[in-house]
């Protein structure tokens, strides 16, 4: 019986259908699917080869094999050359197979990661820039144990706005960072869906190049609308502003400049191109007041009083999914690193 005739037979049960898988499909590898995606994204076998770190001939050979097999399976090739110097054409069948390849590879990678995570052979920690030192201190307690057991620690940069989504999607197992919470609330009240090590709490400060007769040694959060502000476009400070002034806070405030990096904001103020003040964490304000920041040299630190409702504060801590640690034994890497963070927690 020919392969084409077999394809027309009823699928029957799952095993029967798998046993009748066409040889041309069985010959398709994950490596070929990855190459197909690279060609689709770059629109060229040459550019795909560069992205993959391979020779163009190797990439072209894989595409030729895919074209031949899927022309037999579906009736048309996946990728068509357009001529020298022109982008390749992805056929409708190619478009469908690229999407399927993406889904297949993603699901396999996610499933493998989940298996490794449950078995304790890998652990992923997301951390903001300012919590790297804290992670390093906790790591000192478990590094040798992880090395002996061949546990892989992955560290990824994470932004404040992504903390909860990264945890909920299981992209990370632990997060070290800062979040905004109503002042005075307990961890259980504020973060009922997560396990939290409450590292420390604090408020905000202002770095300014304004003269003292324009802005004194302290200011209340209720005074912010009358001050020219340099603010980040997103992140922790933006969360504070949304909490105080609502999602449309930009229309309530005098925003002199929006920035992506705190260092750039300090340099902007120090240059004198913008006259105003930048909202920063109180910890960064202390560092700047001690002249420990080159970018903040010459800027004045102003206390920011929390006098506007709702009263908010910054919680610096370590976060994990609720009750997940209880599913694993005490010597699971997740529990070992969590215990290490607890040991390093400031008194």
Protein backbone atom coordinates (compact mmCIF):
# COMPACT_ATOMS: atom_id res chain seq x y z
CA UNK A 1 0.00 0.00 0.00
CA UNK A 2 1.42 3.38 -0.96
CA UNK A 3 2.07 6.16 1.53
CA UNK A 4 -0.54 8.40 -0.09
CA UNK A 5 -3.17 5.66 0.28
CA UNK A 6 -2.28 5.22 3.95
CA UNK A 7 -2.90 8.92 4.55
CA UNK A 8 -6.51 8.46 3.43
CA UNK A 9 -7.23 5.69 5.92
CA UNK A 10 -9.32 6.51 9.05
CA UNK A 11 -7.13 7.58 11.94
CA UNK A 12 -8.54 5.02 14.35
CA UNK A 13 -6.96 5.17 17.76
CA UNK A 14 -3.94 7.34 18.50
CA UNK A 15 -1.42 4.52 18.28
CA UNK A 16 -2.77 3.42 14.90
CA UNK A 17 -2.46 6.94 13.56
CA UNK A 18 1.10 7.27 14.85
CA UNK A 19 2.09 3.90 13.38
CA UNK A 20 0.93 5.17 9.99
CA UNK A 21 3.00 8.37 10.17
CA UNK A 22 4.50 9.08 6.70
CA UNK A 23 8.28 8.51 6.49
CA UNK A 24 8.76 12.02 5.08
CA UNK A 25 7.35 13.46 8.30
CA UNK A 26 9.36 11.11 10.51
CA UNK A 27 12.53 12.36 8.81
CA UNK A 28 11.80 15.94 9.94
CA UNK A 29 14.02 16.96 12.86
CA UNK A 30 13.84 19.71 15.47
CA UNK A 31 17.01 21.12 13.95
CA UNK A 32 15.27 21.46 10.59
CA UNK A 33 12.28 23.15 12.22
CA UNK A 34 14.57 25.62 13.96
CA UNK A 35 16.27 26.37 10.64
CA UNK A 36 12.88 26.92 8.99
CA UNK A 37 11.96 29.46 11.68
CA UNK A 38 15.32 31.23 11.25
CA UNK A 39 14.81 31.48 7.47
CA UNK A 40 11.29 32.78 8.00
CA UNK A 41 12.48 35.46 10.44
CA UNK A 42 15.49 36.58 8.38
CA UNK A 43 13.96 36.02 4.90
CA UNK A 44 17.26 34.61 3.65
CA UNK A 45 19.26 31.38 3.90
CA UNK A 46 22.43 33.45 4.19
CA UNK A 47 21.13 35.60 7.05
CA UNK A 48 19.67 32.53 8.74
CA UNK A 49 23.07 30.82 8.51
CA UNK A 50 24.69 33.80 10.21
CA UNK A 51 22.09 33.76 12.99
CA UNK A 52 22.59 30.02 13.49
CA UNK A 53 26.38 30.16 13.22
CA UNK A 54 26.43 27.79 10.25
CA UNK A 55 27.46 27.68 6.64
CA UNK A 56 24.87 28.82 4.11
CA UNK A 57 25.19 25.50 2.28
CA UNK A 58 24.14 23.63 5.45
CA UNK A 59 21.05 25.79 5.87
CA UNK A 60 20.14 25.51 2.19
CA UNK A 61 20.49 21.72 2.34
CA UNK A 62 18.02 21.56 5.23
CA UNK A 63 15.54 23.82 3.42
CA UNK A 64 15.82 21.71 0.26
CA UNK A 65 15.07 18.60 2.32
CA UNK A 66 12.05 20.24 3.97
CA UNK A 67 10.79 21.46 0.59
CA UNK A 68 11.08 18.01 -0.92
CA UNK A 69 9.39 16.23 1.99
CA UNK A 70 6.53 18.68 2.42
CA UNK A 71 5.87 18.94 -1.29
CA UNK A 72 5.29 15.21 -1.09
CA UNK A 73 3.16 15.52 2.07
CA UNK A 74 1.18 18.72 1.37
CA UNK A 75 1.52 19.44 -2.34
CA UNK A 76 3.77 22.52 -2.25
CA UNK A 77 7.23 23.46 -0.90
CA UNK A 78 7.68 25.66 2.15
CA UNK A 79 10.28 28.15 0.92
CA UNK A 80 10.74 29.47 -2.63
CA UNK A 81 13.81 31.37 -3.87
CA UNK A 82 13.04 34.72 -5.49
CA UNK A 83 16.32 35.33 -7.24
CA UNK A 84 19.75 36.59 -6.30
CA UNK A 85 19.68 39.29 -3.62
CA UNK A 86 15.92 38.98 -3.05
CA UNK A 87 14.13 37.75 0.06
CA UNK A 88 12.77 34.22 -0.08
CA UNK A 89 9.04 33.63 -0.41
CA UNK A 90 7.31 31.63 2.31
CA UNK A 91 4.36 29.73 0.86
CA UNK A 92 1.01 29.41 2.68
CA UNK A 93 2.01 25.88 3.69
CA UNK A 94 5.32 27.28 4.89
CA UNK A 95 3.54 29.91 6.98
CA UNK A 96 1.40 27.23 8.63
CA UNK A 97 4.40 24.98 9.29
CA UNK A 98 6.45 27.85 10.76
CA UNK A 99 3.69 28.53 13.28
CA UNK A 100 3.45 24.82 14.08
CA UNK A 101 7.23 24.60 14.43
CA UNK A 102 7.26 27.53 16.87
CA UNK A 103 4.53 25.95 18.98
CA UNK A 104 6.17 22.51 18.92
CA UNK A 105 9.63 23.72 19.92
CA UNK A 106 8.26 26.07 22.58
CA UNK A 107 6.14 23.33 24.16
CA UNK A 108 9.06 20.91 24.19
CA UNK A 109 11.40 23.47 25.73
CA UNK A 110 8.83 24.45 28.34
CA UNK A 111 8.06 20.82 29.19
CA UNK A 112 11.73 19.91 29.51
CA UNK A 113 12.32 22.93 31.73
CA UNK A 114 9.34 21.94 33.89
CA UNK A 115 10.63 18.37 34.24
CA UNK A 116 14.09 19.64 35.19
CA UNK A 117 12.60 22.11 37.65
CA UNK A 118 10.51 19.43 39.39
CA UNK A 119 13.48 17.08 39.60
CA UNK A 120 15.65 19.86 40.99
CA UNK A 121 18.22 19.90 38.21
CA UNK A 122 17.62 23.52 37.26
CA UNK A 123 16.49 26.66 39.07
CA UNK A 124 15.69 30.02 37.48
CA UNK A 125 16.01 33.23 39.47
CA UNK A 126 14.80 36.58 38.20
CA UNK A 127 16.42 39.63 39.73
CA UNK A 128 16.41 43.37 39.33
CA UNK A 129 19.74 45.09 38.93
CA UNK A 130 19.81 46.35 42.52
CA UNK A 131 19.23 42.89 44.03
CA UNK A 132 22.18 41.17 42.35
CA UNK A 133 24.40 41.63 45.42
CA UNK A 134 21.75 40.04 47.63
CA UNK A 135 21.48 37.07 45.27
CA UNK A 136 25.26 36.71 45.26
CA UNK A 137 25.36 36.53 49.08
CA UNK A 138 22.62 33.89 49.18
CA UNK A 139 24.36 31.98 46.39
CA UNK A 140 27.48 31.65 48.52
CA UNK A 141 25.53 29.40 50.90
CA UNK A 142 24.42 26.91 48.23
CA UNK A 143 27.03 27.15 45.47
CA UNK A 144 29.00 24.08 46.57
CA UNK A 145 25.87 21.98 47.06
CA UNK A 146 24.59 22.95 43.62
CA UNK A 147 27.97 22.16 42.08
CA UNK A 148 28.18 18.69 43.66
CA UNK A 149 24.62 17.86 42.57
CA UNK A 150 25.10 19.42 39.14
CA UNK A 151 22.17 21.82 39.62
CA UNK A 152 22.03 24.55 36.98
CA UNK A 153 21.27 28.06 38.27
CA UNK A 154 19.88 30.41 35.64
CA UNK A 155 19.81 34.13 36.43
CA UNK A 156 17.65 36.43 34.31
CA UNK A 157 17.15 40.17 34.47
CA UNK A 158 13.62 41.11 35.42
CA UNK A 159 11.80 44.44 35.58
CA UNK A 160 9.46 45.45 38.36
CA UNK A 161 6.44 45.49 36.06
CA UNK A 162 7.08 41.86 35.07
CA UNK A 163 7.59 40.29 38.52
CA UNK A 164 4.12 38.78 38.94
CA UNK A 165 3.62 37.68 35.34
CA UNK A 166 7.03 35.97 35.24
CA UNK A 167 6.22 34.07 38.43
CA UNK A 168 2.69 33.13 37.41
CA UNK A 169 3.85 31.87 34.00
CA UNK A 170 6.58 29.81 35.72
CA UNK A 171 9.29 31.49 33.67
CA UNK A 172 11.16 32.00 36.94
CA UNK A 173 11.08 30.12 40.24
CA UNK A 174 12.22 32.94 42.54
CA UNK A 175 12.25 36.71 42.07
CA UNK A 176 14.42 39.22 43.93
CA UNK A 177 13.10 42.73 43.53
CA UNK A 178 11.02 45.65 44.74
CA UNK A 179 7.26 46.10 44.60
CA UNK A 180 4.80 48.78 45.66
CA UNK A 181 2.48 47.98 48.55
CA UNK A 182 0.09 49.97 50.77
CA UNK A 183 1.99 51.23 53.79
CA UNK A 184 1.63 49.17 56.95
CA UNK A 185 0.09 46.14 55.31
CA UNK A 186 1.39 42.74 56.34
CA UNK A 187 2.87 40.38 53.77
CA UNK A 188 -0.14 38.07 54.10
CA UNK A 189 -2.55 40.94 53.43
CA UNK A 190 -0.62 42.35 50.48
CA UNK A 191 0.70 39.18 48.83
CA UNK A 192 -1.68 36.36 49.66
CA UNK A 193 -0.94 34.52 46.41
CA UNK A 194 2.83 34.45 46.91
CA UNK A 195 5.44 33.42 49.44
CA UNK A 196 7.51 36.46 50.43
CA UNK A 197 10.69 37.14 52.38
CA UNK A 198 10.19 40.71 53.56
CA UNK A 199 13.74 42.05 53.08
CA UNK A 200 13.16 45.67 53.97
CA UNK A 201 10.71 48.52 53.39
CA UNK A 202 11.29 52.09 52.42
CA UNK A 203 10.02 55.13 50.63
CA UNK A 204 11.20 57.54 47.98
CA UNK A 205 13.38 60.61 47.70
CA UNK A 206 14.06 63.34 45.15
CA UNK A 207 17.30 64.19 43.38
CA UNK A 208 17.19 67.77 42.20
CA UNK A 209 19.14 70.62 40.65
CA UNK A 210 16.53 73.16 41.78
CA UNK A 211 17.69 75.89 44.21
CA UNK A 212 16.66 75.63 47.85
CA UNK A 213 14.34 78.63 47.57
CA UNK A 214 12.39 76.67 44.93
CA UNK A 215 12.49 73.31 46.74
CA UNK A 216 13.49 72.91 50.36
CA UNK A 217 14.97 69.98 52.26
CA UNK A 218 11.74 67.99 52.07
CA UNK A 219 8.56 67.82 50.02
CA UNK A 220 5.29 65.95 50.32
CA UNK A 221 3.91 63.63 47.65
CA UNK A 222 0.99 66.03 47.39
CA UNK A 223 3.41 68.70 46.12
CA UNK A 224 4.62 66.62 43.15
CA UNK A 225 2.13 68.13 40.63
CA UNK A 226 3.76 71.56 40.98
CA UNK A 227 7.32 70.29 40.45
CA UNK A 228 9.00 69.66 37.08
CA UNK A 229 9.73 65.93 37.16
CA UNK A 230 12.10 63.55 35.44
CA UNK A 231 10.38 60.15 35.62
CA UNK A 232 10.97 56.65 34.24
CA UNK A 233 8.57 55.55 31.53
CA UNK A 234 7.80 52.38 33.49
CA UNK A 235 8.82 50.38 36.54
CA UNK A 236 8.68 50.91 40.29
CA UNK A 237 8.45 54.74 40.27
CA UNK A 238 5.72 54.65 37.64
CA UNK A 239 3.79 52.22 39.89
CA UNK A 240 3.98 54.73 42.74
CA UNK A 241 2.73 57.52 40.47
CA UNK A 242 -0.14 55.38 39.18
CA UNK A 243 -1.07 54.57 42.77
CA UNK A 244 -1.15 58.24 43.77
CA UNK A 245 -2.48 59.94 40.65
CA UNK A 246 -4.21 57.17 38.69
CA UNK A 247 -3.37 55.52 35.34
CA UNK A 248 -3.44 58.90 33.58
CA UNK A 249 -0.84 60.39 35.95
CA UNK A 250 1.05 62.06 33.08
CA UNK A 251 -1.81 64.53 32.65
CA UNK A 252 -1.71 65.34 36.38
CA UNK A 253 2.02 66.02 36.60
CA UNK A 254 4.54 68.40 35.07
CA UNK A 255 6.82 65.86 33.39
CA UNK A 256 9.91 67.62 32.10
CA UNK A 257 11.48 64.41 30.75
CA UNK A 258 10.79 60.68 30.55
CA UNK A 259 13.75 58.35 30.88
CA UNK A 260 14.55 54.66 30.55
CA UNK A 261 17.53 54.60 32.90
CA UNK A 262 18.11 56.30 36.25
CA UNK A 263 21.73 57.05 35.34
CA UNK A 264 20.58 58.98 32.28
CA UNK A 265 18.13 60.96 34.39
CA UNK A 266 20.86 61.96 36.82
CA UNK A 267 23.17 62.95 33.97
CA UNK A 268 20.34 64.96 32.44
CA UNK A 269 19.81 66.92 35.66
CA UNK A 270 23.53 67.33 36.25
CA UNK A 271 23.94 68.78 32.74
CA UNK A 272 21.43 71.52 33.50
CA UNK A 273 19.51 70.83 30.29
CA UNK A 274 16.48 70.12 32.46
CA UNK A 275 15.64 71.95 35.67
CA UNK A 276 13.64 69.78 38.01
CA UNK A 277 13.82 66.69 40.18
CA UNK A 278 13.85 62.95 39.74
CA UNK A 279 12.02 60.50 41.99
CA UNK A 280 14.30 57.71 43.25
CA UNK A 281 14.21 55.12 46.00
CA UNK A 282 15.25 56.32 49.45
CA UNK A 283 18.21 53.91 49.34
CA UNK A 284 19.50 55.46 46.16
CA UNK A 285 18.97 58.87 47.71
CA UNK A 286 21.22 57.93 50.64
CA UNK A 287 23.93 56.72 48.26
CA UNK A 288 23.68 59.95 46.26
CA UNK A 289 23.81 62.05 49.44
CA UNK A 290 27.05 60.29 50.38
CA UNK A 291 28.54 61.27 46.99
CA UNK A 292 28.87 57.60 46.01
CA UNK A 293 27.24 58.11 42.61
CA UNK A 294 29.35 59.72 39.91
CA UNK A 295 26.29 60.51 37.81
CA UNK A 296 24.63 62.21 40.78
CA UNK A 297 27.53 64.50 41.62
CA UNK A 298 26.31 68.01 42.40
CA UNK A 299 22.66 67.02 42.80
CA UNK A 300 20.80 67.68 46.03
CA UNK A 301 18.80 65.00 47.87
CA UNK A 302 15.33 65.97 49.11
CA UNK A 303 13.22 63.86 51.46
CA UNK A 304 9.87 62.85 49.94
CA UNK A 305 7.20 62.63 52.62
CA UNK A 306 4.37 60.17 52.09
CA UNK A 307 1.46 62.56 52.74
CA UNK A 308 -0.93 61.67 49.93
CA UNK A 309 -3.51 58.88 50.06
CA UNK A 310 -3.18 56.06 49.45
CA UNK A 311 0.01 55.89 51.47
CA UNK A 312 2.40 53.60 49.66
CA UNK A 313 5.76 52.09 50.43
CA UNK A 314 8.39 50.03 48.68
CA UNK A 315 8.88 46.43 49.75
CA UNK A 316 12.20 44.89 48.80
CA UNK A 317 12.01 41.15 49.00
CA UNK A 318 12.22 37.66 47.61
CA UNK A 319 9.11 36.14 46.04
CA UNK A 320 7.97 32.65 45.01
CA UNK A 321 4.70 31.02 44.03
CA UNK A 322 2.42 30.30 46.98
CA UNK A 323 2.90 26.88 48.63
CA UNK A 324 5.12 25.56 45.82
CA UNK A 325 8.08 25.03 48.14
CA UNK A 326 5.92 22.72 50.31
CA UNK A 327 5.58 20.33 47.35
CA UNK A 328 9.32 19.60 47.44
CA UNK A 329 11.62 18.09 50.09
CA UNK A 330 13.79 20.37 52.21
CA UNK A 331 16.88 19.60 50.12
CA UNK A 332 15.25 20.60 46.83
CA UNK A 333 17.24 23.48 45.23
CA UNK A 334 14.24 25.81 45.51
CA UNK A 335 14.06 25.29 49.27
CA UNK A 336 17.84 25.44 49.69
CA UNK A 337 18.09 28.81 47.96
CA UNK A 338 15.02 30.12 49.79
CA UNK A 339 16.62 29.19 53.11
CA UNK A 340 19.83 30.93 51.99
CA UNK A 341 17.88 34.12 51.32
CA UNK A 342 16.32 33.89 54.77
CA UNK A 343 19.78 33.61 56.31
CA UNK A 344 20.87 36.75 54.48
CA UNK A 345 17.76 38.71 55.35
CA UNK A 346 18.74 41.97 57.09
CA UNK A 347 18.07 41.97 60.81
